């Protein structure tokens, strides 16, 4: 059975790119370059500030773990060793392209007037099945 070498990183700037993660771990060999970097997202589809990085060897994991609490811009990055099963589960359940998380039929209303009534909301959605 092939062994997996994966770290989870936390504290990324929300605008962080795969190339920036690649530069942060420049002393490590990342599987498939930027293809081995997997960002996680919040339910709304926004970046969570976390990612999984697939590395080639146990030595790469040690080098990556040594970067724990180093800075990327003005943020410090936490680095943890993890397993492929955790990465697979998290990516499956927080991926913004998952239809089950984006099509559950729920609409969140924000900025409603304080005195807004249920009837006014129903009137707003006239013509739609609620």
Protein backbone atom coordinates (compact mmCIF):
# COMPACT_ATOMS: atom_id res chain seq x y z
CA UNK A 1 0.00 0.00 0.00
CA UNK A 2 1.32 3.43 -0.97
CA UNK A 3 2.01 5.75 1.95
CA UNK A 4 0.64 9.29 1.89
CA UNK A 5 2.57 12.32 3.11
CA UNK A 6 0.15 15.14 3.79
CA UNK A 7 0.13 18.30 5.89
CA UNK A 8 -2.81 20.53 6.73
CA UNK A 9 -2.12 24.25 6.88
CA UNK A 10 -4.20 26.89 8.63
CA UNK A 11 -4.05 30.67 8.81
CA UNK A 12 -3.71 31.34 5.08
CA UNK A 13 -4.73 34.76 3.79
CA UNK A 14 -8.13 34.36 2.09
CA UNK A 15 -6.63 35.64 -1.16
CA UNK A 16 -3.84 33.05 -1.05
CA UNK A 17 -3.03 31.21 -4.29
CA UNK A 18 -1.55 27.77 -4.91
CA UNK A 19 1.61 29.46 -6.23
CA UNK A 20 2.03 31.29 -2.90
CA UNK A 21 1.72 27.99 -1.02
CA UNK A 22 4.26 26.48 -3.42
CA UNK A 23 6.70 29.31 -2.60
CA UNK A 24 6.03 28.95 1.15
CA UNK A 25 7.00 25.27 0.93
CA UNK A 26 9.82 25.85 -1.59
CA UNK A 27 12.12 23.46 0.32
CA UNK A 28 9.59 20.62 -0.07
CA UNK A 29 8.60 18.50 -3.03
CA UNK A 30 4.83 18.84 -3.52
CA UNK A 31 3.11 16.08 -5.51
CA UNK A 32 2.15 17.47 -8.96
CA UNK A 33 3.22 21.01 -8.01
CA UNK A 34 0.15 23.19 -7.50
CA UNK A 35 -2.00 20.11 -8.23
CA UNK A 36 -1.02 18.75 -4.80
CA UNK A 37 -2.45 21.79 -2.99
CA UNK A 38 -6.13 21.53 -2.01
CA UNK A 39 -7.85 24.57 -0.50
CA UNK A 40 -10.93 24.20 1.68
CA UNK A 41 -13.96 26.47 1.51
CA UNK A 42 -16.75 27.61 3.78
CA UNK A 43 -20.31 26.59 2.98
CA UNK A 44 -20.86 29.94 1.23
CA UNK A 45 -17.98 29.12 -1.13
CA UNK A 46 -15.49 31.55 0.41
CA UNK A 47 -11.94 30.37 1.21
CA UNK A 48 -11.57 29.04 4.76
CA UNK A 49 -7.88 29.93 5.16
CA UNK A 50 -6.94 26.25 5.26
CA UNK A 51 -5.50 23.79 2.77
CA UNK A 52 -4.04 20.31 2.45
CA UNK A 53 -0.66 19.82 0.81
CA UNK A 54 0.41 16.43 -0.57
CA UNK A 55 4.15 15.90 -0.24
CA UNK A 56 6.42 13.32 -1.86
CA UNK A 57 8.36 11.93 1.14
CA UNK A 58 8.45 11.69 4.92
CA UNK A 59 11.45 14.03 4.83
CA UNK A 60 9.32 16.64 3.03
CA UNK A 61 6.75 16.34 5.84
CA UNK A 62 9.48 17.00 8.43
CA UNK A 63 10.67 20.08 6.50
CA UNK A 64 7.07 21.31 6.17
CA UNK A 65 6.37 20.81 9.90
CA UNK A 66 9.47 22.89 10.69
CA UNK A 67 7.70 25.82 8.97
CA UNK A 68 4.94 25.80 11.62
CA UNK A 69 4.27 29.36 12.82
CA UNK A 70 6.32 30.97 10.03
CA UNK A 71 4.77 33.97 8.30
CA UNK A 72 3.14 34.39 4.94
CA UNK A 73 2.68 38.11 4.55
CA UNK A 74 1.29 39.38 7.86
CA UNK A 75 -0.17 36.01 8.91
CA UNK A 76 1.51 33.11 10.63
CA UNK A 77 0.80 29.69 9.20
CA UNK A 78 0.11 26.62 11.32
CA UNK A 79 1.28 23.29 9.86
CA UNK A 80 -0.03 19.89 11.03
CA UNK A 81 0.62 16.38 9.80
CA UNK A 82 -2.56 14.60 8.72
CA UNK A 83 -3.80 11.50 6.92
CA UNK A 84 -5.29 11.01 3.47
CA UNK A 85 -8.57 9.82 5.01
CA UNK A 86 -9.01 13.15 6.84
CA UNK A 87 -8.12 15.14 3.72
CA UNK A 88 -10.54 13.12 1.57
CA UNK A 89 -13.37 13.51 4.09
CA UNK A 90 -12.87 17.26 4.54
CA UNK A 91 -12.57 17.94 0.80
CA UNK A 92 -15.69 15.88 0.10
CA UNK A 93 -17.75 17.71 2.73
CA UNK A 94 -16.60 21.32 2.26
CA UNK A 95 -16.10 21.52 -1.49
CA UNK A 96 -18.18 24.43 -2.89
CA UNK A 97 -19.04 22.43 -6.00
CA UNK A 98 -20.96 19.88 -3.94
CA UNK A 99 -24.55 20.13 -5.10
CA UNK A 100 -25.95 18.94 -1.77
CA UNK A 101 -24.44 21.92 0.07
CA UNK A 102 -25.57 24.53 -2.45
CA UNK A 103 -29.02 23.31 -3.48
CA UNK A 104 -30.76 22.51 -0.23
CA UNK A 105 -33.46 25.09 -1.00
CA UNK A 106 -32.53 27.49 1.79
CA UNK A 107 -32.41 31.22 1.16
CA UNK A 108 -30.78 33.44 3.76
CA UNK A 109 -32.27 36.93 4.03
CA UNK A 110 -30.10 39.74 5.35
CA UNK A 111 -30.74 43.43 5.88
CA UNK A 112 -34.46 43.08 6.53
CA UNK A 113 -36.16 46.00 8.26
CA UNK A 114 -36.59 45.34 11.98
CA UNK A 115 -40.37 45.43 11.73
CA UNK A 116 -40.59 43.14 8.67
CA UNK A 117 -43.39 40.60 9.01
CA UNK A 118 -43.72 37.04 7.75
CA UNK A 119 -46.49 38.21 5.43
CA UNK A 120 -44.21 40.84 3.85
CA UNK A 121 -41.56 38.20 3.18
CA UNK A 122 -44.18 35.90 1.61
CA UNK A 123 -45.37 38.82 -0.56
CA UNK A 124 -41.77 39.47 -1.67
CA UNK A 125 -41.53 35.87 -2.90
CA UNK A 126 -44.94 35.91 -4.64
CA UNK A 127 -44.91 33.51 -7.57
CA UNK A 128 -42.42 31.12 -6.00
CA UNK A 129 -43.26 27.90 -4.18
CA UNK A 130 -42.30 28.22 -0.51
